[in-house]
Amino acid sequence: MKRVRWLLITSALMLCYWHVTKATVSADNVNSQYSYSVEVDDQKNTSSIQKHVSPNQKLNVKLVFANNSAQVQRLNVNFNTATTGDNGVVQYNFSNLNDRYLGNVNFAKLVNGKKLITLAAKSKVIENYTITVPRKSFNGVIAGGFYITQAKSKHGIHSKNGVSFKNVISYAIPIVLRERNQQVNTKLNLNRVNAKIHYADPTVIAKIDNLTPTLFGQMNINAKIIDKNTNRIVFKQQQGNMAMAPLTRMAYPITIDQKLNPGQYLLKLAISSGKAHWHFTKPFEINAKISQATSKSAPAHAGMPIWVYVAIGGAVLLALLSGVYYLGTRKVRSN
């Protein structure tokens, strides 16, 4: 079980690391200005930190920054608690947690070190950081990370076709602290469900809570929307290979791309991760405004298959050619 638990944690970390570096690679291809490396208590070249710790223990983290450009670079180094994004990816870019985090250990308060780094052109800087484990013993894991971005600068803003944009290169260094090997069974809860316009699309938002200090991946969600009047399944959505950070809330979006009438509905969720399974059912309402939006997002009904149009066009063309040929041969005979 211990092996499976660490496998799920590692898969979650790899998922979030792939997600962050995927965005970074595209930025690097445009403007590779700086790089970094990580050392944790003399453990070098690590992209994430997973440590067994003791209460009040101090971890020494060394970040080595290199400026590859001919200009001065300024970097922000933030220490953030891990959260769960709407797309099921563990994120480290939120300093304002709001209702994304349900725990009481703020990772930012555990880290001490410099937050603004200035790099001279073609230089290398080493910065030391200290992570202090909470005095109070804890179960499960504490998850957070270093989130490194370029500081805002007017030199980073470009204009193309009258539209301004900024190349922002960001890196995340996930950190998972575990105190004991005691297994903690993950407990999920479907907090609430509501239908709304989300990024211009009619969407049903399912607020899923991870109520335990567990970080896990390989999460699959099978969602079904049922009309309460007819008890018929009117919409389905499946998504897999997701992850959740410990003690976090995920606002899982179900985008509706077909017509749904105003009325009362049920959302049924079947969630799995490895051998763990959770099932939830919760009612919600689709009002007239959302229903109208689903009409606009629904694809238009398909007309006749294209081969029918090709066949009709071919028949018409053949008739025209036959007519021309008939008239031509008739004229020749008359002459």
C-alpha atoms as a PDB file:
ATOM      1  CA  MET A   1       0.000   0.000   0.000  1.00  0.00           C
ATOM      2  CA  LYS A   2       2.882   2.340   0.783  1.00  0.00           C
ATOM      3  CA  ARG A   3       4.282   1.736  -2.693  1.00  0.00           C
ATOM      4  CA  VAL A   4       0.925   2.422  -4.348  1.00  0.00           C
ATOM      5  CA  ARG A   5       0.436   5.590  -2.254  1.00  0.00           C
ATOM      6  CA  TRP A   6       3.804   7.033  -3.300  1.00  0.00           C
ATOM      7  CA  LEU A   7       3.083   6.048  -6.916  1.00  0.00           C
ATOM      8  CA  LEU A   8      -0.132   8.089  -6.842  1.00  0.00           C
ATOM      9  CA  ILE A   9       1.707  11.044  -5.275  1.00  0.00           C
ATOM     10  CA  THR A  10       4.504  10.816  -7.855  1.00  0.00           C
ATOM     11  CA  SER A  11       2.019  10.638 -10.731  1.00  0.00           C
ATOM     12  CA  ALA A  12       0.286  13.742  -9.372  1.00  0.00           C
ATOM     13  CA  LEU A  13       3.607  15.584  -9.155  1.00  0.00           C
ATOM     14  CA  MET A  14       4.594  14.489 -12.658  1.00  0.00           C
ATOM     15  CA  LEU A  15       1.231  15.652 -13.995  1.00  0.00           C
ATOM     16  CA  CYS A  16       1.592  19.131 -12.499  1.00  0.00           C
ATOM     17  CA  TYR A  17       5.306  19.332 -13.480  1.00  0.00           C
ATOM     18  CA  TRP A  18       4.477  18.361 -17.080  1.00  0.00           C
ATOM     19  CA  HIS A  19       1.702  20.947 -17.129  1.00  0.00           C
ATOM     20  CA  VAL A  20       4.002  23.759 -15.943  1.00  0.00           C
ATOM     21  CA  THR A  21       7.033  22.869 -18.045  1.00  0.00           C
ATOM     22  CA  LYS A  22       4.834  22.394 -21.113  1.00  0.00           C
ATOM     23  CA  ALA A  23       3.946  26.097 -20.940  1.00  0.00           C
ATOM     24  CA  THR A  24       7.554  26.979 -20.123  1.00  0.00           C
ATOM     25  CA  VAL A  25       9.061  25.201 -23.119  1.00  0.00           C
ATOM     26  CA  SER A  26       7.008  27.242 -25.561  1.00  0.00           C
ATOM     27  CA  ALA A  27       8.133  30.430 -23.807  1.00  0.00           C
ATOM     28  CA  ASP A  28      11.754  29.306 -23.742  1.00  0.00           C
ATOM     29  CA  ASN A  29      11.703  28.810 -27.492  1.00  0.00           C
ATOM     30  CA  VAL A  30      10.724  32.459 -27.849  1.00  0.00           C
ATOM     31  CA  ASN A  31      13.060  33.979 -25.305  1.00  0.00           C
ATOM     32  CA  SER A  32      15.296  31.742 -23.186  1.00  0.00           C
ATOM     33  CA  GLN A  33      16.519  34.258 -20.641  1.00  0.00           C
ATOM     34  CA  TYR A  34      17.154  32.354 -17.441  1.00  0.00           C
ATOM     35  CA  SER A  35      17.365  28.882 -15.967  1.00  0.00           C
ATOM     36  CA  TYR A  36      17.611  27.368 -12.510  1.00  0.00           C
ATOM     37  CA  SER A  37      18.683  24.252 -10.650  1.00  0.00           C
ATOM     38  CA  VAL A  38      17.683  22.939  -7.217  1.00  0.00           C
ATOM     39  CA  GLU A  39      19.603  21.375  -4.340  1.00  0.00           C
ATOM     40  CA  VAL A  40      17.912  20.098  -1.175  1.00  0.00           C
ATOM     41  CA  ASP A  41      20.250  19.169   1.696  1.00  0.00           C
ATOM     42  CA  ASP A  42      22.971  18.349  -0.856  1.00  0.00           C
ATOM     43  CA  GLN A  43      20.534  16.430  -3.101  1.00  0.00           C
ATOM     44  CA  LYS A  44      21.209  17.963  -6.500  1.00  0.00           C
ATOM     45  CA  ASN A  45      19.326  18.283  -9.795  1.00  0.00           C
ATOM     46  CA  THR A  46      15.848  17.564  -8.527  1.00  0.00           C
ATOM     47  CA  SER A  47      12.704  18.901 -10.192  1.00  0.00           C
ATOM     48  CA  SER A  48      10.536  18.225  -7.115  1.00  0.00           C
ATOM     49  CA  ILE A  49      11.122  17.717  -3.396  1.00  0.00           C
ATOM     50  CA  GLN A  50       9.627  14.792  -1.448  1.00  0.00           C
ATOM     51  CA  LYS A  51      10.871  14.486   2.131  1.00  0.00           C
ATOM     52  CA  HIS A  52      10.122  12.536   5.297  1.00  0.00           C
ATOM     53  CA  VAL A  53      10.392  15.107   8.083  1.00  0.00           C
ATOM     54  CA  SER A  54      10.106  15.567  11.852  1.00  0.00           C
ATOM     55  CA  PRO A  55       8.265  18.301  13.780  1.00  0.00           C
ATOM     56  CA  ASN A  56      10.124  21.629  13.689  1.00  0.00           C
ATOM     57  CA  GLN A  57      12.781  20.197  11.359  1.00  0.00           C
ATOM     58  CA  LYS A  58      14.519  22.625   9.016  1.00  0.00           C
ATOM     59  CA  LEU A  59      15.171  21.817   5.361  1.00  0.00           C
ATOM     60  CA  ASN A  60      17.810  23.751   3.457  1.00  0.00           C
ATOM     61  CA  VAL A  61      16.972  24.446  -0.179  1.00  0.00           C
ATOM     62  CA  LYS A  62      19.513  25.989  -2.535  1.00  0.00           C
ATOM     63  CA  LEU A  63      18.334  27.559  -5.790  1.00  0.00           C
ATOM     64  CA  VAL A  64      20.940  28.343  -8.432  1.00  0.00           C
ATOM     65  CA  PHE A  65      19.763  30.911 -10.992  1.00  0.00           C
ATOM     66  CA  ALA A  66      21.562  31.575 -14.274  1.00  0.00           C
ATOM     67  CA  ASN A  67      20.925  34.592 -16.503  1.00  0.00           C
ATOM     68  CA  ASN A  68      21.541  33.582 -20.121  1.00  0.00           C
ATOM     69  CA  SER A  69      20.713  36.960 -21.625  1.00  0.00           C
ATOM     70  CA  ALA A  70      22.680  40.166 -22.173  1.00  0.00           C
ATOM     71  CA  GLN A  71      20.248  42.117 -19.985  1.00  0.00           C
ATOM     72  CA  VAL A  72      19.566  42.352 -16.280  1.00  0.00           C
ATOM     73  CA  GLN A  73      16.820  39.924 -15.232  1.00  0.00           C
ATOM     74  CA  ARG A  74      14.574  40.131 -12.160  1.00  0.00           C
ATOM     75  CA  LEU A  75      12.741  37.112 -10.836  1.00  0.00           C
ATOM     76  CA  ASN A  76       9.937  36.692  -8.319  1.00  0.00           C
ATOM     77  CA  VAL A  77      10.175  33.638  -6.076  1.00  0.00           C
ATOM     78  CA  ASN A  78       6.874  32.884  -4.334  1.00  0.00           C
ATOM     79  CA  PHE A  79       6.138  30.107  -1.841  1.00  0.00           C
ATOM     80  CA  ASN A  80       2.573  28.898  -2.333  1.00  0.00           C
ATOM     81  CA  THR A  81       0.304  26.196  -0.983  1.00  0.00           C
ATOM     82  CA  ALA A  82      -0.662  23.562  -3.574  1.00  0.00           C
ATOM     83  CA  THR A  83      -4.163  23.947  -5.020  1.00  0.00           C
ATOM     84  CA  THR A  84      -6.230  22.014  -7.554  1.00  0.00           C
ATOM     85  CA  GLY A  85      -7.042  23.657 -10.881  1.00  0.00           C
ATOM     86  CA  ASP A  86     -10.362  23.311 -12.667  1.00  0.00           C
ATOM     87  CA  ASN A  87      -8.721  20.999 -15.185  1.00  0.00           C
ATOM     88  CA  GLY A  88      -7.500  18.599 -12.515  1.00  0.00           C
ATOM     89  CA  VAL A  89      -3.885  19.770 -12.346  1.00  0.00           C
ATOM     90  CA  VAL A  90      -2.057  20.560  -9.104  1.00  0.00           C
ATOM     91  CA  GLN A  91      -1.025  24.224  -9.196  1.00  0.00           C
ATOM     92  CA  TYR A  92       1.389  26.418  -7.220  1.00  0.00           C
ATOM     93  CA  ASN A  93       0.632  29.875  -8.614  1.00  0.00           C
ATOM     94  CA  PHE A  94      -2.013  31.100  -6.134  1.00  0.00           C
ATOM     95  CA  SER A  95      -0.931  33.210  -3.175  1.00  0.00           C
ATOM     96  CA  ASN A  96      -4.539  34.216  -2.470  1.00  0.00           C
ATOM     97  CA  LEU A  97      -6.139  30.871  -1.654  1.00  0.00           C
ATOM     98  CA  ASN A  98      -9.765  31.953  -1.061  1.00  0.00           C
ATOM     99  CA  ASP A  99     -11.898  28.798  -0.945  1.00  0.00           C
ATOM    100  CA  ARG A 100      -9.407  26.759  -2.972  1.00  0.00           C
ATOM    101  CA  TYR A 101      -7.705  25.498   0.207  1.00  0.00           C
ATOM    102  CA  LEU A 102      -9.530  23.886   3.137  1.00  0.00           C
ATOM    103  CA  GLY A 103      -6.560  23.334   5.488  1.00  0.00           C
ATOM    104  CA  ASN A 104      -4.934  25.547   8.113  1.00  0.00           C
ATOM    105  CA  VAL A 105      -1.228  25.173   7.231  1.00  0.00           C
ATOM    106  CA  ASN A 106      -0.156  27.985   4.913  1.00  0.00           C
ATOM    107  CA  PHE A 107       2.954  26.777   3.097  1.00  0.00           C
ATOM    108  CA  ALA A 108       4.090  30.369   2.500  1.00  0.00           C
ATOM    109  CA  LYS A 109       4.603  30.806   6.245  1.00  0.00           C
ATOM    110  CA  LEU A 110       6.912  27.775   6.423  1.00  0.00           C
ATOM    111  CA  VAL A 111       9.517  29.191   4.015  1.00  0.00           C
ATOM    112  CA  ASN A 112      12.090  31.875   4.650  1.00  0.00           C
ATOM    113  CA  GLY A 113      14.192  33.388   1.880  1.00  0.00           C
ATOM    114  CA  LYS A 114      14.566  36.093  -0.733  1.00  0.00           C
ATOM    115  CA  LYS A 115      11.547  36.759  -2.950  1.00  0.00           C
ATOM    116  CA  LEU A 116      13.031  39.138  -5.521  1.00  0.00           C
ATOM    117  CA  ILE A 117      16.175  38.023  -7.338  1.00  0.00           C
ATOM    118  CA  THR A 118      18.239  40.358  -9.526  1.00  0.00           C
ATOM    119  CA  LEU A 119      20.540  38.729 -12.064  1.00  0.00           C
ATOM    120  CA  ALA A 120      23.206  40.692 -13.879  1.00  0.00           C
ATOM    121  CA  ALA A 121      23.764  39.884 -17.542  1.00  0.00           C
ATOM    122  CA  LYS A 122      25.443  36.496 -18.123  1.00  0.00           C
ATOM    123  CA  SER A 123      25.644  35.815 -14.393  1.00  0.00           C
ATOM    124  CA  LYS A 124      24.794  33.121 -11.865  1.00  0.00           C
ATOM    125  CA  VAL A 125      23.270  33.674  -8.396  1.00  0.00           C
ATOM    126  CA  ILE A 126      22.855  31.190  -5.535  1.00  0.00           C
ATOM    127  CA  GLU A 127      20.047  31.780  -3.050  1.00  0.00           C
ATOM    128  CA  ASN A 128      19.403  29.767   0.120  1.00  0.00           C
ATOM    129  CA  TYR A 129      15.938  29.047   1.519  1.00  0.00           C
ATOM    130  CA  THR A 130      14.808  27.388   4.727  1.00  0.00           C
ATOM    131  CA  ILE A 131      11.632  25.326   5.112  1.00  0.00           C
ATOM    132  CA  THR A 132      10.591  24.910   8.749  1.00  0.00           C
ATOM    133  CA  VAL A 133       8.290  21.970   9.426  1.00  0.00           C
ATOM    134  CA  PRO A 134       5.329  22.808  11.750  1.00  0.00           C
ATOM    135  CA  ARG A 135       5.888  22.113  15.440  1.00  0.00           C
ATOM    136  CA  LYS A 136       2.588  20.264  15.667  1.00  0.00           C
ATOM    137  CA  SER A 137       2.663  16.712  14.357  1.00  0.00           C
ATOM    138  CA  PHE A 138       0.554  16.085  11.244  1.00  0.00           C
ATOM    139  CA  ASN A 139      -0.940  13.200   9.298  1.00  0.00           C
ATOM    140  CA  GLY A 140      -0.802  12.760   5.552  1.00  0.00           C
ATOM    141  CA  VAL A 141       1.207  15.311   3.592  1.00  0.00           C
ATOM    142  CA  ILE A 142       1.806  19.043   3.368  1.00  0.00           C
ATOM    143  CA  ALA A 143       2.060  20.142  -0.274  1.00  0.00           C
ATOM    144  CA  GLY A 144       3.353  23.440  -1.583  1.00  0.00           C
ATOM    145  CA  GLY A 145       5.985  24.730  -3.932  1.00  0.00           C
ATOM    146  CA  PHE A 146       8.266  27.445  -5.175  1.00  0.00           C
ATOM    147  CA  TYR A 147       6.707  29.391  -8.035  1.00  0.00           C
ATOM    148  CA  ILE A 148       9.263  31.382 -10.032  1.00  0.00           C
ATOM    149  CA  THR A 149       8.322  34.039 -12.596  1.00  0.00           C
ATOM    150  CA  GLN A 150       9.936  36.978 -14.309  1.00  0.00           C
ATOM    151  CA  ALA A 151       9.287  40.248 -12.496  1.00  0.00           C
ATOM    152  CA  LYS A 152       7.171  42.732 -14.433  1.00  0.00           C
ATOM    153  CA  SER A 153       9.234  44.861 -16.762  1.00  0.00           C
ATOM    154  CA  LYS A 154       8.436  47.180 -19.619  1.00  0.00           C
ATOM    155  CA  HIS A 155      11.099  45.346 -21.648  1.00  0.00           C
ATOM    156  CA  GLY A 156       8.967  42.199 -21.521  1.00  0.00           C
ATOM    157  CA  ILE A 157       6.026  43.818 -23.323  1.00  0.00           C
ATOM    158  CA  HIS A 158       5.800  43.548 -27.098  1.00  0.00           C
ATOM    159  CA  SER A 159       3.235  44.712 -29.611  1.00  0.00           C
ATOM    160  CA  LYS A 160       1.940  42.882 -32.650  1.00  0.00           C
ATOM    161  CA  ASN A 161      -0.880  44.137 -34.878  1.00  0.00           C
ATOM    162  CA  GLY A 162      -1.795  46.702 -32.237  1.00  0.00           C
ATOM    163  CA  VAL A 163      -2.193  44.077 -29.490  1.00  0.00           C
ATOM    164  CA  SER A 164       0.173  44.109 -26.517  1.00  0.00           C
ATOM    165  CA  PHE A 165       1.321  40.899 -24.890  1.00  0.00           C
ATOM    166  CA  LYS A 166       4.020  39.759 -22.487  1.00  0.00           C
ATOM    167  CA  ASN A 167       6.174  36.650 -22.581  1.00  0.00           C
ATOM    168  CA  VAL A 168       6.095  35.271 -19.041  1.00  0.00           C
ATOM    169  CA  ILE A 169       8.341  32.325 -18.255  1.00  0.00           C
ATOM    170  CA  SER A 170       7.344  30.457 -15.107  1.00  0.00           C
ATOM    171  CA  TYR A 171       8.626  27.422 -13.231  1.00  0.00           C
ATOM    172  CA  ALA A 172       7.148  25.435 -10.352  1.00  0.00           C
ATOM    173  CA  ILE A 173       9.117  23.302  -7.897  1.00  0.00           C
ATOM    174  CA  PRO A 174       6.631  20.987  -6.120  1.00  0.00           C
ATOM    175  CA  ILE A 175       7.365  20.170  -2.462  1.00  0.00           C
ATOM    176  CA  VAL A 176       5.704  17.326  -0.506  1.00  0.00           C
ATOM    177  CA  LEU A 177       6.434  16.838   3.192  1.00  0.00           C
ATOM    178  CA  ARG A 178       5.429  13.650   5.017  1.00  0.00           C
ATOM    179  CA  GLU A 179       5.963  12.998   8.718  1.00  0.00           C
ATOM    180  CA  ARG A 180       4.850   9.406   9.181  1.00  0.00           C
ATOM    181  CA  ASN A 181       4.061   6.393   7.011  1.00  0.00           C
ATOM    182  CA  GLN A 182       0.577   5.966   8.435  1.00  0.00           C
ATOM    183  CA  GLN A 183      -1.965   5.512   5.661  1.00  0.00           C
ATOM    184  CA  VAL A 184      -4.671   8.153   5.298  1.00  0.00           C
ATOM    185  CA  ASN A 185      -7.705   7.125   3.268  1.00  0.00           C
ATOM    186  CA  THR A 186      -8.785   9.891   0.923  1.00  0.00           C
ATOM    187  CA  LYS A 187     -12.257  11.285   1.561  1.00  0.00           C
ATOM    188  CA  LEU A 188     -13.973  13.312  -1.176  1.00  0.00           C
ATOM    189  CA  ASN A 189     -17.188  15.302  -1.009  1.00  0.00           C
ATOM    190  CA  LEU A 190     -19.406  16.888  -3.653  1.00  0.00           C
ATOM    191  CA  ASN A 191     -19.905  20.253  -1.962  1.00  0.00           C
ATOM    192  CA  ARG A 192     -22.348  21.922  -4.352  1.00  0.00           C
ATOM    193  CA  VAL A 193     -23.472  22.034  -7.982  1.00  0.00           C
ATOM    194  CA  ASN A 194     -24.689  24.995 -10.008  1.00  0.00           C
ATOM    195  CA  ALA A 195     -25.215  25.925 -13.649  1.00  0.00           C
ATOM    196  CA  LYS A 196     -23.704  29.174 -14.937  1.00  0.00           C
ATOM    197  CA  ILE A 197     -22.080  30.860 -17.914  1.00  0.00           C
ATOM    198  CA  HIS A 198     -18.404  29.971 -17.583  1.00  0.00           C
ATOM    199  CA  TYR A 199     -15.938  31.477 -20.079  1.00  0.00           C
ATOM    200  CA  ALA A 200     -18.900  32.267 -22.384  1.00  0.00           C
ATOM    201  CA  ASP A 201     -20.135  28.645 -22.333  1.00  0.00           C
ATOM    202  CA  PRO A 202     -23.105  27.161 -20.464  1.00  0.00           C
ATOM    203  CA  THR A 203     -21.462  25.042 -17.778  1.00  0.00           C
ATOM    204  CA  VAL A 204     -22.387  22.939 -14.784  1.00  0.00           C
ATOM    205  CA  ILE A 205     -19.800  23.495 -12.022  1.00  0.00           C
ATOM    206  CA  ALA A 206     -19.266  20.674  -9.532  1.00  0.00           C
ATOM    207  CA  LYS A 207     -17.333  21.775  -6.419  1.00  0.00           C
ATOM    208  CA  ILE A 208     -15.401  18.655  -5.344  1.00  0.00           C
ATOM    209  CA  ASP A 209     -13.617  18.758  -1.975  1.00  0.00           C
ATOM    210  CA  ASN A 210     -10.627  16.661  -0.939  1.00  0.00           C
ATOM    211  CA  LEU A 211     -11.227  16.598   2.810  1.00  0.00           C
ATOM    212  CA  THR A 212      -8.016  14.746   3.675  1.00  0.00           C
ATOM    213  CA  PRO A 213      -4.305  15.676   3.645  1.00  0.00           C
ATOM    214  CA  THR A 214      -3.644  13.367   0.679  1.00  0.00           C
ATOM    215  CA  LEU A 215      -2.126  14.160  -2.712  1.00  0.00           C
ATOM    216  CA  PHE A 216      -3.192  11.749  -5.425  1.00  0.00           C
ATOM    217  CA  GLY A 217      -3.295  11.352  -9.197  1.00  0.00           C
ATOM    218  CA  GLN A 218      -4.763   8.979 -11.775  1.00  0.00           C
ATOM    219  CA  MET A 219      -8.183  10.484 -11.054  1.00  0.00           C
ATOM    220  CA  ASN A 220     -11.022   9.810 -13.489  1.00  0.00           C
ATOM    221  CA  ILE A 221     -14.445  11.494 -13.467  1.00  0.00           C
ATOM    222  CA  ASN A 222     -17.545  10.138 -15.177  1.00  0.00           C
ATOM    223  CA  ALA A 223     -20.340  12.729 -15.081  1.00  0.00           C
ATOM    224  CA  LYS A 224     -23.996  12.194 -16.016  1.00  0.00           C
ATOM    225  CA  ILE A 225     -26.781  14.782 -16.070  1.00  0.00           C
ATOM    226  CA  ILE A 226     -30.276  13.366 -15.526  1.00  0.00           C
ATOM    227  CA  ASP A 227     -33.593  15.101 -16.176  1.00  0.00           C
ATOM    228  CA  LYS A 228     -35.600  14.735 -12.928  1.00  0.00           C
ATOM    229  CA  ASN A 229     -38.944  14.779 -14.778  1.00  0.00           C
ATOM    230  CA  THR A 230     -38.146  11.957 -17.204  1.00  0.00           C
ATOM    231  CA  ASN A 231     -35.337  10.238 -15.263  1.00  0.00           C
ATOM    232  CA  ARG A 232     -33.409  10.121 -18.564  1.00  0.00           C
ATOM    233  CA  ILE A 233     -29.680  10.749 -18.983  1.00  0.00           C
ATOM    234  CA  VAL A 234     -29.483  13.874 -21.129  1.00  0.00           C
ATOM    235  CA  PHE A 235     -25.741  14.571 -21.058  1.00  0.00           C
ATOM    236  CA  LYS A 236     -22.470  12.729 -20.350  1.00  0.00           C
ATOM    237  CA  GLN A 237     -18.855  13.780 -19.874  1.00  0.00           C
ATOM    238  CA  GLN A 238     -15.721  11.782 -19.056  1.00  0.00           C
ATOM    239  CA  GLN A 239     -12.255  12.996 -18.150  1.00  0.00           C
ATOM    240  CA  GLY A 240      -9.190  11.198 -16.852  1.00  0.00           C
ATOM    241  CA  ASN A 241      -5.568  11.509 -15.748  1.00  0.00           C
ATOM    242  CA  MET A 242      -6.295  14.273 -13.240  1.00  0.00           C
ATOM    243  CA  ALA A 243      -4.913  14.987  -9.757  1.00  0.00           C
ATOM    244  CA  MET A 244      -5.920  16.677  -6.509  1.00  0.00           C
ATOM    245  CA  ALA A 245      -3.830  18.476  -3.921  1.00  0.00           C
ATOM    246  CA  PRO A 246      -4.476  17.800  -0.218  1.00  0.00           C
ATOM    247  CA  LEU A 247      -7.330  19.665   1.497  1.00  0.00           C
ATOM    248  CA  THR A 248      -8.351  21.542  -1.646  1.00  0.00           C
ATOM    249  CA  ARG A 249     -11.505  22.306  -3.600  1.00  0.00           C
ATOM    250  CA  MET A 250     -11.779  21.660  -7.320  1.00  0.00           C
ATOM    251  CA  ALA A 251     -14.356  23.521  -9.416  1.00  0.00           C
ATOM    252  CA  TYR A 252     -14.876  20.825 -12.027  1.00  0.00           C
ATOM    253  CA  PRO A 253     -16.560  22.209 -15.194  1.00  0.00           C
ATOM    254  CA  ILE A 254     -19.023  20.236 -17.321  1.00  0.00           C
ATOM    255  CA  THR A 255     -19.486  22.207 -20.528  1.00  0.00           C
ATOM    256  CA  ILE A 256     -22.915  21.719 -22.096  1.00  0.00           C
ATOM    257  CA  ASP A 257     -22.904  21.610 -25.902  1.00  0.00           C
ATOM    258  CA  GLN A 258     -26.490  20.508 -26.497  1.00  0.00           C
ATOM    259  CA  LYS A 259     -29.948  21.890 -25.850  1.00  0.00           C
ATOM    260  CA  LEU A 260     -31.268  21.447 -22.283  1.00  0.00           C
ATOM    261  CA  ASN A 261     -34.682  22.758 -21.269  1.00  0.00           C
ATOM    262  CA  PRO A 262     -35.207  24.833 -18.119  1.00  0.00           C
ATOM    263  CA  GLY A 263     -35.956  22.671 -15.115  1.00  0.00           C
ATOM    264  CA  GLN A 264     -34.626  20.439 -12.354  1.00  0.00           C
ATOM    265  CA  TYR A 265     -31.744  18.046 -12.980  1.00  0.00           C
ATOM    266  CA  LEU A 266     -29.488  15.624 -11.114  1.00  0.00           C
ATOM    267  CA  LEU A 267     -25.724  15.436 -11.452  1.00  0.00           C
ATOM    268  CA  LYS A 268     -24.248  11.973 -10.890  1.00  0.00           C
ATOM    269  CA  LEU A 269     -20.481  11.706 -10.480  1.00  0.00           C
ATOM    270  CA  ALA A 270     -18.444   8.510 -10.452  1.00  0.00           C
ATOM    271  CA  ILE A 271     -14.850   9.303  -9.408  1.00  0.00           C
ATOM    272  CA  SER A 272     -11.988   6.828  -9.216  1.00  0.00           C
ATOM    273  CA  SER A 273      -8.273   6.825  -8.436  1.00  0.00           C
ATOM    274  CA  GLY A 274      -6.526   3.485  -8.450  1.00  0.00           C
ATOM    275  CA  LYS A 275      -8.695   1.125  -6.378  1.00  0.00           C
ATOM    276  CA  ALA A 276     -10.575   3.964  -4.640  1.00  0.00           C
ATOM    277  CA  HIS A 277     -14.087   4.886  -5.858  1.00  0.00           C
ATOM    278  CA  TRP A 278     -16.538   7.633  -4.901  1.00  0.00           C
ATOM    279  CA  HIS A 279     -20.138   8.186  -6.047  1.00  0.00           C
ATOM    280  CA  PHE A 280     -22.142  11.389  -5.639  1.00  0.00           C
ATOM    281  CA  THR A 281     -25.579  12.665  -6.651  1.00  0.00           C
ATOM    282  CA  LYS A 282     -26.752  16.244  -6.266  1.00  0.00           C
ATOM    283  CA  PRO A 283     -29.683  18.249  -7.683  1.00  0.00           C
ATOM    284  CA  PHE A 284     -29.340  21.536  -9.551  1.00  0.00           C
ATOM    285  CA  GLU A 285     -31.450  23.814 -11.715  1.00  0.00           C
ATOM    286  CA  ILE A 286     -31.088  25.101 -15.245  1.00  0.00           C
ATOM    287  CA  ASN A 287     -32.893  28.425 -15.593  1.00  0.00           C
ATOM    288  CA  ALA A 288     -34.201  30.069 -18.750  1.00  0.00           C
ATOM    289  CA  LYS A 289     -30.986  32.053 -19.333  1.00  0.00           C
ATOM    290  CA  ILE A 290     -28.747  28.980 -19.157  1.00  0.00           C
ATOM    291  CA  SER A 291     -31.189  26.984 -21.284  1.00  0.00           C
ATOM    292  CA  GLN A 292     -31.083  29.669 -23.967  1.00  0.00           C
ATOM    293  CA  ALA A 293     -27.283  29.557 -23.899  1.00  0.00           C
ATOM    294  CA  THR A 294     -27.359  25.771 -24.383  1.00  0.00           C
ATOM    295  CA  SER A 295     -29.482  26.327 -27.510  1.00  0.00           C
ATOM    296  CA  LYS A 296     -26.792  28.588 -28.946  1.00  0.00           C
ATOM    297  CA  SER A 297     -23.961  26.193 -28.059  1.00  0.00           C
ATOM    298  CA  ALA A 298     -25.741  23.129 -29.491  1.00  0.00           C
ATOM    299  CA  PRO A 299     -24.428  22.122 -32.919  1.00  0.00           C
ATOM    300  CA  ALA A 300     -26.808  22.730 -35.816  1.00  0.00           C
ATOM    301  CA  HIS A 301     -28.726  19.680 -37.001  1.00  0.00           C
ATOM    302  CA  ALA A 302     -26.935  18.031 -39.866  1.00  0.00           C
ATOM    303  CA  GLY A 303     -28.603  18.237 -43.284  1.00  0.00           C
ATOM    304  CA  MET A 304     -28.379  15.654 -46.014  1.00  0.00           C
ATOM    305  CA  PRO A 305     -25.078  13.749 -46.250  1.00  0.00           C
ATOM    306  CA  ILE A 306     -22.561  15.312 -48.597  1.00  0.00           C
ATOM    307  CA  TRP A 307     -22.703  12.332 -50.970  1.00  0.00           C
ATOM    308  CA  VAL A 308     -26.344  13.190 -51.665  1.00  0.00           C
ATOM    309  CA  TYR A 309     -25.334  16.674 -52.821  1.00  0.00           C
ATOM    310  CA  VAL A 310     -22.517  15.191 -54.918  1.00  0.00           C
ATOM    311  CA  ALA A 311     -24.915  12.717 -56.515  1.00  0.00           C
ATOM    312  CA  ILE A 312     -27.477  15.436 -57.274  1.00  0.00           C
ATOM    313  CA  GLY A 313     -24.782  17.699 -58.710  1.00  0.00           C
ATOM    314  CA  GLY A 314     -23.429  14.867 -60.832  1.00  0.00           C
ATOM    315  CA  ALA A 315     -26.906  14.040 -62.176  1.00  0.00           C
ATOM    316  CA  VAL A 316     -27.539  17.686 -63.093  1.00  0.00           C
ATOM    317  CA  LEU A 317     -24.147  17.958 -64.801  1.00  0.00           C
ATOM    318  CA  LEU A 318     -24.775  14.730 -66.695  1.00  0.00           C
ATOM    319  CA  ALA A 319     -28.189  15.995 -67.819  1.00  0.00           C
ATOM    320  CA  LEU A 320     -26.649  19.250 -69.042  1.00  0.00           C
ATOM    321  CA  LEU A 321     -23.902  17.442 -70.957  1.00  0.00           C
ATOM    322  CA  SER A 322     -26.443  15.059 -72.482  1.00  0.00           C
ATOM    323  CA  GLY A 323     -28.586  18.005 -73.568  1.00  0.00           C
ATOM    324  CA  VAL A 324     -25.622  19.772 -75.157  1.00  0.00           C
ATOM    325  CA  TYR A 325     -24.591  16.584 -76.949  1.00  0.00           C
ATOM    326  CA  TYR A 326     -28.141  15.971 -78.215  1.00  0.00           C
ATOM    327  CA  LEU A 327     -28.496  19.498 -79.523  1.00  0.00           C
ATOM    328  CA  GLY A 328     -25.065  19.327 -81.129  1.00  0.00           C
ATOM    329  CA  THR A 329     -25.731  16.051 -82.978  1.00  0.00           C
ATOM    330  CA  ARG A 330     -29.185  17.268 -84.039  1.00  0.00           C
ATOM    331  CA  LYS A 331     -27.673  20.416 -85.573  1.00  0.00           C
ATOM    332  CA  VAL A 332     -25.037  18.406 -87.443  1.00  0.00           C
ATOM    333  CA  ARG A 333     -27.714  16.099 -88.924  1.00  0.00           C
ATOM    334  CA  SER A 334     -29.869  18.999 -90.007  1.00  0.00           C
ATOM    335  CA  ASN A 335     -26.936  20.547 -91.822  1.00  0.00           C
END
